[in-house]
Each structure stands twice: as C-alpha cells, then as structure tokens.
Amino acid sequence: MKLKQKYIGDKKFYKTLFAVAFPIMIQNGLTNFVNLLDNIMVGQLGTEQMSGVAIVNQLIFVFYLLMFGGLSGVGIFTAQYFGNKDDEGIRLTFRYKLWLGFIVMMSVTFVLIMFGDNLIGLYLSGTADGGDLEATLIYGRRYLGIILFMLPSVWIGMLYTSTLRECGQTFVPMIAGVCAVLTNFVFNYLLIFGKFGFPKLGIAGAAIATVISHYVEMMIVIVWAYRNRDKHTYFKGIFRTLIVPRSLVKKFFITGMPILVNEGLWSIGIAMLSQAYSLRGLNVVAGQNIANTINNLFNIFFIAMGDSIAIIVGQYLGAGDMKKAKDYDNKIIATAILSSIVIGAIMFFTAPLYPKVYNTNNMARLVAAHFLMVQAAFMPKDAFLHTSYFTIRAGGKTIITFFFDSFFMIVVSVPVAYVLSRFTTIGPASVFALIHAVDFIKCIVGFILLKKNIWMKNIVK
C-alpha cells in the first residue's frame, strides 16, 4: 500500500500530468510520424540518398541539442521564475537565451560550412556493401547546403517554444509543431517526386521542405506570443532592452553552461557512436537510420515525462513546495518506467514489420529490425535515465547532470563502441546491445542521486 501511494497517483495527479504531457506527446508523436513518412519518401530514392540525408541529419542533430542545451539550461530559471510569479525574471532569461542561441547558431554554421564534407566523410569509411560511397557524399553535401538556411528559424523558434513550455504553455508549441510537420510532409511529397506541377528535386526537395516547415513553426509562435501578451504578461516589453545584468549573466552561465556542454558532448557522443557502427558498412548506416526513426515514434511517452518533470517539478521547486515536488517526481518516473515496459514489448514483437516499407536491400532491413529489438528491450532503462536526468536538472544541479550524462558517454560508451567495432567481429546489433547494457552503471548512480534528494533546491529565491 505504501509503494502504491508513493508511485501511483490520484486523479488530480494524472490530470495535472497529462495537461502538460499530452500536448508534448501529440506534437512529438505527429512530428516523428511525419518524419517516418518523410524518411520512407527519401528511402524510395535509394540507399545512397537515404544514407546521405541520414548522415547530415546526424550532424544537424548536434546543432539541435546544442541549441536545446543552451536554452533549456537557463530555462531552469524560467520555470522557477514562473512558479514564483516573477515576470521580469522570465524576460531576463529570454534575453539571455536570445544571445546564447545566436552564438550557438553562428558557431555551428561556420563549422558546417568549413568542414561539412570532412564530417560527412567520417561516416563513409566502412564498406560500400554494394552501394556507392562517393554518391552518398555528393547527396549529403547537396542536402547540407540547403538545410543550413533552416538554422536561424530553429534558433528563434526554440527561443519562443522553450519559454512557453517552461511557463506551462505546451498547447501553442504543439499547434505550431503540428502545422510545421504537416507543411513538411506536403512539400516533401510535392518536391521530392514533382507532383502537381512542382519540380522533381529529390533530396534537394526534402531539404527545401524542411526549411519551409521550420519558418512556418517560428512565425506561428511569434505571432501568438505577440497577440497574447496581455494575458501572458512576461512577453510585454520583452524587447525593451536586450541587456542582461552582468550579475545575472554570471548566474545563468554558471548554472546553464554545463547543460549546454552536456547536450553538445552527448550529441557528439551519439554521432561518434553512429560513426563507430558505420565502420561495419553502408547497410548499417541505412539500417540504423530506419531503426532510429521508428524508435523515436515509440519513445514519445517517456520523453514527454521528462519534459513534464522539467515543467511541473521545476515550478513546485520555484514555489518552495519541496514535498509536492518530490511526490510528483516519484510518480512521474514510475509512470514513465511502467509505460515503457508495455510499449517496449509491443515494439519488440512488431520490429521486423517496419523496415519492410523501405526501398532498400534485405541486409539493411535486417540490421534495422535487430536494432529495433535492442531499443525495445532497453526502453525501460532509457525511461529511467531520461526522467532521472530531468529531475536532477530541475533543481539546478547541472554539473552533476554533465557527469551523469555526456561525460559517461564520451569516457565509457564511445571508447567501448570503437573497440568493439574496430577490433572484434561481433555483429553490429550485438555491439549496439552491449553499449546499451553499459548504461546500467548510470542507472545505479541515478538511483543513488535521486534517493539522496540532492536535486530538491530553489534557485531563484
């Protein structure tokens, strides 16, 4: 009975949780579903085209997480300022995020322009598996050249959507995200295949569609924020000045920079893991791309639980209600793990079906199915790690999250992957499974950190 009270909530709890989580799940679910359809459309062009786009998307993923890390690091303060009903505090975090996001965007743009070919080439050092590595590089270069125009819209769009979410407004980002993914899907269909009089542009069409969709999302959140500034008063006078007091810059930097570094290193670690797997050939690049696209559709529930912890628990911490923060955190983590057991089981037994819709060879499909089974089996582990990370971060313990997350990835997971990929004959799916198994060390550390309640801290009073 005591365990039930600790981990199972009442109607009020689930109403509060899903009021926040449901719009996030809808947005992420639709986004990932349309990404799946887009992935299938690009996959119809051939293995080289699909692999070229997948490699560039892996590089853009680093940009996304650098931006996410930079904005969400100071977003810890935004959530607590909102819980403390401090509009001026929210404005200051918004301005800080504006500058930080600009620096991240310009830095990534420079790196991708100067070293894009070299970075793509890192993923093409394995065997061709009957494909054409040079063609894959050319397709990747073409896609990257267009997708760079998307970066400013991601910067401004994430600036607004992150602020809205941290202040408990998840519905508007959901609507903007839905409009963006539908726009992306429609223009992908029109421009990849040349339908209804549009030019047939192949992967260039896919890139153009992605750019258009992000500007649509950006404009929706900007217009909504402007029109609703009387109700959401923290948007009033938000651009009256772009100056942030030096004392607050230092405070935001000390707390937020570890999140930026963490997300950046973690995304680089993921890219390095993918590069290690790619040493086994082009079929592994294609298979992993298929598996990750499908997996993203299944993990939307526990991903939303992490976002919910950042918002709900962060606001309770800001209001000084530590008991409520602890109670909600326990129950949200339990909800994430229990749901992942069920969802993971469904995904495991249906894994061989999904790769069949792709226009690629049987070996790439087999790799994809095996990777999906591994991801399904370890989904409860990923749910615990994801929610634990957001719990520790909600209280501003960003240095700890750095060691807990990306430091472990770079120091342990990546070296193990390289050793297994380069110096053993273990199959790619087995290497993938062993890397997941290493994460159980993090699970033990995460459990201890949660038990000690080190995250229960108000950082705005």
Protein backbone atom coordinates (compact mmCIF):
# COMPACT_ATOMS: atom_id res chain seq x y z
CA MET A 1 0.00 0.00 0.00
CA LYS A 2 2.87 2.33 0.87
CA LEU A 3 4.52 1.66 -2.51
CA LYS A 4 1.22 2.32 -4.28
CA GLN A 5 0.83 5.68 -2.53
CA LYS A 6 4.42 6.59 -3.41
CA TYR A 7 4.37 5.67 -7.09
CA ILE A 8 0.71 5.66 -8.21
CA GLY A 9 -1.10 8.99 -8.35
CA ASP A 10 -4.72 10.01 -7.87
CA LYS A 11 -6.99 11.60 -10.49
CA LYS A 12 -5.71 15.09 -9.70
CA PHE A 13 -2.11 13.98 -10.29
CA TYR A 14 -2.83 12.40 -13.67
CA LYS A 15 -4.97 15.36 -14.72
CA THR A 16 -2.10 17.74 -13.91
CA LEU A 17 0.49 15.49 -15.55
CA PHE A 18 -1.35 14.89 -18.80
CA ALA A 19 -2.44 18.52 -19.13
CA VAL A 20 1.28 19.20 -19.57
CA ALA A 21 2.43 15.92 -21.16
CA PHE A 22 -0.37 15.25 -23.65
CA PRO A 23 0.29 18.24 -25.95
CA ILE A 24 4.00 17.36 -25.90
CA MET A 25 3.20 13.74 -26.79
CA ILE A 26 0.87 14.82 -29.60
CA GLN A 27 3.48 17.18 -31.03
CA ASN A 28 6.36 14.70 -30.73
CA GLY A 29 4.19 11.83 -31.96
CA LEU A 30 3.00 13.66 -35.05
CA THR A 31 6.48 15.05 -35.68
CA ASN A 32 8.05 11.61 -35.51
CA PHE A 33 5.27 10.02 -37.57
CA VAL A 34 5.70 12.57 -40.34
CA ASN A 35 9.48 12.15 -40.04
CA LEU A 36 8.87 8.45 -40.62
CA LEU A 37 6.81 9.19 -43.74
CA ASP A 38 9.49 11.64 -44.92
CA ASN A 39 12.15 9.02 -44.24
CA ILE A 40 10.21 6.49 -46.30
CA MET A 41 9.82 9.01 -49.15
CA VAL A 42 13.56 9.75 -49.18
CA GLY A 43 14.15 6.00 -48.89
CA GLN A 44 12.28 5.48 -52.16
CA LEU A 45 15.12 7.34 -53.89
CA GLY A 46 17.66 4.67 -52.92
CA THR A 47 20.09 3.60 -50.19
CA GLU A 48 22.74 6.22 -51.10
CA GLN A 49 20.25 9.11 -50.97
CA MET A 50 18.73 7.89 -47.70
CA SER A 51 22.17 7.40 -46.14
CA GLY A 52 23.40 10.83 -47.28
CA VAL A 53 20.38 12.54 -45.73
CA ALA A 54 20.71 10.42 -42.56
CA ILE A 55 24.36 11.42 -42.10
CA VAL A 56 23.61 15.14 -42.47
CA ASN A 57 20.66 14.82 -40.09
CA GLN A 58 23.05 13.28 -37.57
CA LEU A 59 25.21 16.42 -37.84
CA ILE A 60 22.17 18.71 -37.58
CA PHE A 61 21.13 16.70 -34.51
CA VAL A 62 24.26 18.07 -32.80
CA PHE A 63 23.05 21.61 -33.58
CA TYR A 64 19.57 20.86 -32.24
CA LEU A 65 20.93 19.57 -28.95
CA LEU A 66 23.44 22.39 -28.58
CA MET A 67 20.57 24.85 -29.02
CA PHE A 68 18.30 22.83 -26.75
CA GLY A 69 21.03 22.58 -24.10
CA GLY A 70 21.83 26.28 -24.22
CA LEU A 71 18.20 27.39 -23.98
CA SER A 72 16.99 24.76 -21.51
CA GLY A 73 19.96 25.37 -19.21
CA VAL A 74 18.73 28.86 -18.38
CA GLY A 75 15.17 27.54 -18.77
CA ILE A 76 15.58 26.02 -15.30
CA PHE A 77 15.41 29.61 -14.03
CA THR A 78 12.44 30.42 -16.31
CA ALA A 79 10.35 27.59 -14.82
CA GLN A 80 11.19 28.63 -11.27
CA TYR A 81 10.63 32.35 -12.01
CA PHE A 82 7.20 31.42 -13.37
CA GLY A 83 6.45 29.39 -10.24
CA ASN A 84 7.49 32.45 -8.22
CA LYS A 85 5.30 34.75 -10.43
CA ASP A 86 8.32 36.87 -11.48
CA ASP A 87 7.66 38.27 -14.99
CA GLU A 88 10.83 40.34 -15.11
CA GLY A 89 12.90 37.28 -14.28
CA ILE A 90 11.32 35.48 -17.26
CA ARG A 91 12.14 38.43 -19.54
CA LEU A 92 15.77 38.37 -18.43
CA THR A 93 16.10 34.65 -19.16
CA PHE A 94 14.50 35.21 -22.58
CA ARG A 95 17.07 37.90 -23.46
CA TYR A 96 19.94 35.74 -22.27
CA LYS A 97 18.64 32.85 -24.39
CA LEU A 98 18.40 35.18 -27.40
CA TRP A 99 22.11 35.99 -27.25
CA LEU A 100 23.24 32.48 -26.38
CA GLY A 101 21.18 30.96 -29.20
CA PHE A 102 22.68 33.42 -31.69
CA ILE A 103 26.22 32.42 -30.67
CA VAL A 104 25.38 28.71 -30.99
CA MET A 105 23.78 29.19 -34.42
CA MET A 106 26.69 31.19 -35.85
CA SER A 107 29.28 28.77 -34.46
CA VAL A 108 27.58 25.69 -35.91
CA THR A 109 27.00 27.41 -39.27
CA PHE A 110 30.72 28.22 -39.51
CA VAL A 111 31.77 24.64 -38.69
CA LEU A 112 29.34 23.07 -41.17
CA ILE A 113 30.32 25.44 -43.99
CA MET A 114 34.05 24.95 -43.45
CA PHE A 115 34.18 21.25 -42.56
CA GLY A 116 30.89 19.75 -43.81
CA ASP A 117 32.47 17.41 -46.38
CA ASN A 118 35.01 16.12 -43.88
CA LEU A 119 32.32 15.42 -41.28
CA ILE A 120 30.13 13.56 -43.79
CA GLY A 121 33.16 11.58 -44.94
CA LEU A 122 33.74 10.25 -41.42
CA TYR A 123 30.61 8.11 -41.84
CA LEU A 124 31.76 6.69 -45.16
CA SER A 125 34.94 4.91 -44.08
CA GLY A 126 33.30 1.48 -43.88
CA THR A 127 32.49 -0.96 -46.68
CA ALA A 128 30.20 0.07 -49.54
CA ASP A 129 28.05 -3.09 -49.24
CA GLY A 130 27.19 -2.82 -52.92
CA GLY A 131 26.40 0.90 -52.62
CA ASP A 132 28.31 3.95 -53.86
CA LEU A 133 30.15 5.87 -51.12
CA GLU A 134 31.09 8.77 -53.44
CA ALA A 135 27.45 9.22 -54.48
CA THR A 136 26.41 9.18 -50.82
CA LEU A 137 28.89 12.01 -50.12
CA ILE A 138 27.54 14.05 -53.04
CA TYR A 139 23.93 13.61 -51.91
CA GLY A 140 24.87 14.53 -48.35
CA ARG A 141 26.70 17.67 -49.49
CA ARG A 142 23.72 18.76 -51.60
CA TYR A 143 21.29 18.26 -48.71
CA LEU A 144 23.52 20.10 -46.22
CA GLY A 145 23.93 23.13 -48.50
CA ILE A 146 20.18 23.78 -48.38
CA ILE A 147 19.45 22.74 -44.80
CA LEU A 148 21.84 25.40 -43.44
CA PHE A 149 19.19 28.03 -44.26
CA MET A 150 16.99 26.39 -41.60
CA LEU A 151 19.26 27.24 -38.65
CA PRO A 152 18.02 30.82 -37.93
CA SER A 153 14.41 29.61 -37.75
CA VAL A 154 15.37 26.87 -35.30
CA TRP A 155 17.12 29.46 -33.10
CA ILE A 156 14.15 31.86 -32.89
CA GLY A 157 11.52 29.11 -32.88
CA MET A 158 13.14 27.26 -29.98
CA LEU A 159 13.62 30.55 -28.12
CA TYR A 160 9.85 31.10 -28.04
CA THR A 161 8.67 27.50 -27.67
CA SER A 162 11.08 26.77 -24.81
CA THR A 163 9.92 29.86 -22.92
CA LEU A 164 6.25 28.97 -23.44
CA ARG A 165 6.77 25.40 -22.25
CA GLU A 166 8.76 26.47 -19.19
CA CYS A 167 5.81 28.71 -18.27
CA GLY A 168 3.39 25.78 -18.57
CA GLN A 169 2.02 26.65 -22.04
CA THR A 170 2.52 23.46 -24.03
CA PHE A 171 -0.55 23.72 -26.29
CA VAL A 172 0.74 26.51 -28.55
CA PRO A 173 4.10 24.84 -29.27
CA MET A 174 2.11 21.70 -30.07
CA ILE A 175 -0.08 23.53 -32.62
CA ALA A 176 2.97 25.19 -34.17
CA GLY A 177 4.76 21.85 -34.33
CA VAL A 178 1.76 20.14 -35.91
CA CYS A 179 1.49 22.84 -38.58
CA ALA A 180 5.23 22.55 -39.25
CA VAL A 181 5.27 18.78 -39.70
CA LEU A 182 2.20 18.84 -41.94
CA THR A 183 3.84 21.56 -44.04
CA ASN A 184 7.00 19.47 -44.19
CA PHE A 185 5.08 16.37 -45.27
CA VAL A 186 3.12 18.15 -48.02
CA PHE A 187 6.15 19.90 -49.51
CA ASN A 188 8.23 16.73 -49.26
CA TYR A 189 5.65 14.90 -51.36
CA LEU A 190 5.41 17.75 -53.86
CA LEU A 191 9.13 18.49 -54.20
CA ILE A 192 10.74 15.07 -53.85
CA PHE A 193 8.57 13.44 -56.51
CA GLY A 194 7.49 16.51 -58.54
CA LYS A 195 3.73 16.24 -58.01
CA PHE A 196 1.00 18.69 -59.15
CA GLY A 197 3.34 20.68 -61.39
CA PHE A 198 6.12 21.13 -58.84
CA PRO A 199 9.69 20.32 -59.94
CA LYS A 200 11.08 16.87 -59.13
CA LEU A 201 14.02 17.75 -56.87
CA GLY A 202 14.77 14.53 -54.97
CA ILE A 203 16.73 15.10 -51.76
CA ALA A 204 17.01 18.83 -52.54
CA GLY A 205 13.21 18.91 -52.34
CA ALA A 206 13.33 17.19 -48.95
CA ALA A 207 15.75 19.85 -47.69
CA ILE A 208 13.63 22.74 -49.02
CA ALA A 209 10.51 21.28 -47.39
CA THR A 210 12.30 21.05 -44.04
CA VAL A 211 13.46 24.68 -44.26
CA ILE A 212 9.95 25.94 -45.11
CA SER A 213 8.35 23.98 -42.26
CA HIS A 214 10.67 25.44 -39.62
CA TYR A 215 9.91 29.00 -40.71
CA VAL A 216 6.19 28.21 -40.50
CA GLU A 217 6.64 26.98 -36.92
CA MET A 218 8.69 30.04 -35.99
CA MET A 219 6.12 32.50 -37.35
CA ILE A 220 3.21 30.81 -35.56
CA VAL A 221 4.78 31.08 -32.09
CA ILE A 222 5.98 34.65 -32.67
CA VAL A 223 2.55 35.84 -33.82
CA TRP A 224 0.79 34.03 -30.95
CA ALA A 225 3.14 35.49 -28.34
CA TYR A 226 2.61 39.00 -29.71
CA ARG A 227 -1.19 38.69 -29.83
CA ASN A 228 -1.46 37.18 -26.33
CA ARG A 229 0.99 39.42 -24.48
CA ASP A 230 -1.81 40.94 -22.39
CA LYS A 231 -2.60 37.53 -20.89
CA HIS A 232 0.98 36.25 -20.80
CA THR A 233 2.40 39.47 -19.40
CA TYR A 234 6.01 38.30 -19.38
CA PHE A 235 6.04 38.95 -23.16
CA LYS A 236 5.23 42.64 -22.56
CA GLY A 237 8.34 44.76 -23.04
CA ILE A 238 10.47 41.71 -23.67
CA PHE A 239 12.49 43.58 -26.34
CA ARG A 240 12.52 46.90 -24.47
CA THR A 241 16.20 46.20 -23.95
CA LEU A 242 18.50 43.33 -24.89
CA ILE A 243 20.81 43.95 -21.94
CA VAL A 244 21.07 41.36 -19.17
CA PRO A 245 22.74 42.48 -15.90
CA ARG A 246 26.26 41.12 -15.54
CA SER A 247 25.47 39.50 -12.19
CA LEU A 248 22.62 37.51 -13.75
CA VAL A 249 24.69 36.61 -16.82
CA LYS A 250 27.22 35.07 -14.45
CA LYS A 251 24.49 33.25 -12.52
CA PHE A 252 22.79 31.95 -15.67
CA PHE A 253 26.14 30.99 -17.20
CA ILE A 254 27.37 29.03 -14.17
CA THR A 255 24.13 27.05 -13.94
CA GLY A 256 23.29 26.78 -17.62
CA MET A 257 26.65 26.24 -19.31
CA PRO A 258 27.06 22.67 -18.00
CA ILE A 259 23.72 21.85 -19.69
CA LEU A 260 24.94 23.33 -22.99
CA VAL A 261 28.24 21.46 -22.74
CA ASN A 262 26.42 18.31 -21.67
CA GLU A 263 23.93 18.34 -24.54
CA GLY A 264 26.67 19.24 -27.00
CA LEU A 265 29.01 16.47 -25.87
CA TRP A 266 26.13 14.00 -25.62
CA SER A 267 25.03 14.72 -29.19
CA ILE A 268 28.65 14.49 -30.37
CA GLY A 269 28.87 11.20 -28.48
CA ILE A 270 25.76 9.91 -30.28
CA ALA A 271 27.29 10.99 -33.60
CA MET A 272 30.54 9.21 -32.69
CA LEU A 273 28.62 6.05 -31.76
CA SER A 274 26.84 6.15 -35.13
CA GLN A 275 30.20 6.63 -36.83
CA ALA A 276 31.56 3.60 -34.96
CA TYR A 277 28.62 1.48 -36.13
CA SER A 278 29.10 2.79 -39.69
CA LEU A 279 32.51 1.06 -39.80
CA ARG A 280 30.50 -2.12 -40.44
CA GLY A 281 29.28 -0.78 -43.79
CA LEU A 282 26.68 1.32 -45.59
CA ASN A 283 23.91 -1.15 -44.72
CA VAL A 284 24.44 -0.38 -41.03
CA VAL A 285 24.16 3.37 -41.74
CA ALA A 286 20.86 2.77 -43.55
CA GLY A 287 19.60 0.23 -41.00
CA GLN A 288 20.36 2.43 -38.02
CA ASN A 289 18.61 5.37 -39.69
CA ILE A 290 15.48 3.25 -40.17
CA ALA A 291 15.59 1.92 -36.60
CA ASN A 292 16.08 5.34 -35.01
CA THR A 293 13.18 6.82 -37.00
CA ILE A 294 10.83 4.04 -35.82
CA ASN A 295 12.16 4.12 -32.25
CA ASN A 296 11.50 7.87 -31.98
CA LEU A 297 7.83 7.15 -32.62
CA PHE A 298 7.65 4.65 -29.76
CA ASN A 299 9.53 6.63 -27.11
CA ILE A 300 7.34 9.76 -27.19
CA PHE A 301 5.66 8.81 -23.89
CA PHE A 302 8.73 8.68 -21.68
CA ILE A 303 10.26 11.67 -23.49
CA ALA A 304 7.15 13.68 -22.55
CA MET A 305 7.52 12.51 -18.94
CA GLY A 306 10.99 14.09 -18.82
CA ASP A 307 9.65 17.38 -20.17
CA SER A 308 6.81 17.22 -17.63
CA ILE A 309 9.28 16.86 -14.77
CA ALA A 310 11.17 19.92 -16.00
CA ILE A 311 7.94 21.95 -16.05
CA ILE A 312 5.85 20.65 -13.13
CA VAL A 313 8.59 19.76 -10.66
CA GLY A 314 10.55 22.88 -11.62
CA GLN A 315 7.55 25.08 -10.83
CA TYR A 316 6.97 23.40 -7.45
CA LEU A 317 10.65 23.91 -6.60
CA GLY A 318 10.35 27.57 -7.58
CA ALA A 319 7.28 27.94 -5.35
CA GLY A 320 9.20 26.33 -2.46
CA ASP A 321 6.88 23.30 -2.18
CA MET A 322 9.52 20.58 -1.82
CA LYS A 323 7.09 17.91 -0.59
CA LYS A 324 4.89 18.28 -3.66
CA ALA A 325 7.93 18.35 -5.96
CA LYS A 326 9.21 15.06 -4.51
CA ASP A 327 5.80 13.39 -4.63
CA TYR A 328 5.14 14.33 -8.26
CA ASP A 329 8.65 13.37 -9.29
CA ASN A 330 8.35 9.84 -7.86
CA LYS A 331 5.04 9.28 -9.57
CA ILE A 332 6.11 10.67 -12.96
CA ILE A 333 9.23 8.46 -13.00
CA ALA A 334 7.12 5.40 -12.13
CA THR A 335 4.62 6.27 -14.87
CA ALA A 336 7.44 6.53 -17.41
CA ILE A 337 9.01 3.17 -16.49
CA LEU A 338 5.76 1.18 -16.31
CA SER A 339 4.52 2.53 -19.63
CA SER A 340 7.88 1.75 -21.27
CA ILE A 341 7.64 -1.91 -20.27
CA VAL A 342 4.34 -2.23 -22.16
CA ILE A 343 5.35 -0.06 -25.13
CA GLY A 344 8.74 -1.77 -25.37
CA ALA A 345 7.12 -5.21 -25.52
CA ILE A 346 4.84 -4.13 -28.38
CA MET A 347 7.77 -2.64 -30.24
CA PHE A 348 9.93 -5.77 -29.77
CA PHE A 349 7.41 -8.20 -31.25
CA THR A 350 6.47 -5.95 -34.17
CA ALA A 351 10.05 -4.83 -35.01
CA PRO A 352 10.51 -6.99 -38.16
CA LEU A 353 7.46 -5.40 -39.84
CA TYR A 354 8.52 -1.75 -40.09
CA PRO A 355 11.69 -1.98 -42.25
CA LYS A 356 9.70 -3.73 -44.99
CA VAL A 357 8.18 -0.42 -46.13
CA TYR A 358 11.62 0.93 -47.13
CA ASN A 359 13.05 0.68 -50.63
CA THR A 360 16.41 -0.74 -49.57
CA ASN A 361 18.15 -4.12 -49.56
CA ASN A 362 17.33 -7.03 -47.24
CA MET A 363 20.52 -6.71 -45.19
CA ALA A 364 19.74 -3.09 -44.28
CA ARG A 365 16.21 -4.17 -43.30
CA LEU A 366 17.60 -6.97 -41.12
CA VAL A 367 20.00 -4.59 -39.35
CA ALA A 368 17.10 -2.20 -38.73
CA ALA A 369 14.90 -4.95 -37.23
CA HIS A 370 17.68 -6.13 -34.90
CA PHE A 371 18.46 -2.57 -33.76
CA LEU A 372 14.75 -2.01 -33.06
CA MET A 373 14.59 -5.14 -30.89
CA VAL A 374 17.56 -3.92 -28.85
CA GLN A 375 16.00 -0.48 -28.40
CA ALA A 376 12.70 -2.07 -27.33
CA ALA A 377 14.35 -4.35 -24.78
CA PHE A 378 16.20 -1.44 -23.15
CA MET A 379 13.34 1.10 -23.28
CA PRO A 380 12.53 0.91 -19.51
CA LYS A 381 16.20 1.64 -18.79
CA ASP A 382 16.11 4.65 -21.11
CA ALA A 383 12.89 5.88 -19.45
CA PHE A 384 14.50 5.80 -16.00
CA LEU A 385 17.67 7.56 -17.17
CA HIS A 386 15.71 10.23 -19.06
CA THR A 387 13.42 11.11 -16.14
CA SER A 388 16.29 10.94 -13.63
CA TYR A 389 18.29 13.38 -15.74
CA PHE A 390 15.44 15.90 -15.85
CA THR A 391 14.84 15.52 -12.12
CA ILE A 392 18.43 16.32 -11.20
CA ARG A 393 18.45 19.20 -13.68
CA ALA A 394 15.19 20.70 -12.36
CA GLY A 395 16.96 21.67 -9.13
CA GLY A 396 19.87 23.32 -10.94
CA LYS A 397 22.38 20.51 -10.32
CA THR A 398 23.78 20.89 -13.81
CA ILE A 399 27.37 19.91 -13.04
CA ILE A 400 26.10 16.55 -11.79
CA THR A 401 23.98 16.05 -14.92
CA PHE A 402 27.09 16.69 -17.01
CA PHE A 403 29.00 13.84 -15.35
CA PHE A 404 25.87 11.67 -15.23
CA ASP A 405 25.13 12.06 -18.93
CA SER A 406 27.66 13.20 -21.53
CA PHE A 407 30.85 12.59 -19.52
CA PHE A 408 29.85 8.95 -19.17
CA MET A 409 29.01 8.79 -22.88
CA ILE A 410 32.38 10.17 -24.01
CA VAL A 411 34.55 8.38 -21.43
CA VAL A 412 32.81 4.97 -21.36
CA SER A 413 30.26 4.33 -24.13
CA VAL A 414 32.17 5.75 -27.12
CA PRO A 415 35.51 4.01 -26.37
CA VAL A 416 33.71 0.70 -25.81
CA ALA A 417 31.88 1.10 -29.14
CA TYR A 418 35.11 1.86 -31.01
CA VAL A 419 36.94 -1.10 -29.50
CA LEU A 420 34.08 -3.47 -30.32
CA SER A 421 33.60 -2.09 -33.84
CA ARG A 422 37.28 -1.95 -34.83
CA PHE A 423 38.84 -4.92 -33.07
CA THR A 424 36.13 -7.59 -32.86
CA THR A 425 33.91 -9.46 -35.30
CA ILE A 426 30.80 -9.05 -33.13
CA GLY A 427 27.72 -8.19 -35.21
CA PRO A 428 26.50 -4.56 -35.25
CA ALA A 429 23.32 -5.38 -33.29
CA SER A 430 25.37 -7.11 -30.57
CA VAL A 431 27.67 -4.08 -30.32
CA PHE A 432 24.57 -1.88 -30.08
CA ALA A 433 23.16 -4.06 -27.27
CA LEU A 434 26.41 -4.05 -25.30
CA ILE A 435 26.58 -0.24 -25.43
CA HIS A 436 23.04 -0.11 -24.04
CA ALA A 437 23.97 -2.60 -21.30
CA VAL A 438 26.84 -0.36 -20.15
CA ASP A 439 24.19 2.25 -19.22
CA PHE A 440 23.11 0.16 -16.23
CA ILE A 441 26.09 1.69 -14.41
CA LYS A 442 24.37 5.06 -14.89
CA CYS A 443 21.09 3.61 -13.60
CA ILE A 444 22.75 2.72 -10.29
CA VAL A 445 24.29 6.20 -9.99
CA GLY A 446 20.98 7.85 -10.91
CA PHE A 447 19.07 5.85 -8.31
CA ILE A 448 21.52 6.89 -5.59
CA LEU A 449 21.35 10.58 -6.59
CA LEU A 450 17.54 10.56 -6.53
CA LYS A 451 17.50 8.78 -3.18
CA LYS A 452 19.71 11.48 -1.64
CA ASN A 453 17.32 14.27 -2.80
CA ILE A 454 20.24 16.46 -3.91
CA TRP A 455 18.03 18.00 -6.60
CA MET A 456 15.43 19.47 -4.22
CA LYS A 457 16.58 23.08 -4.40
CA ASN A 458 15.03 26.50 -5.09
CA ILE A 459 17.48 28.53 -7.21
CA VAL A 460 15.53 31.78 -7.72
CA LYS A 461 14.93 32.99 -4.15
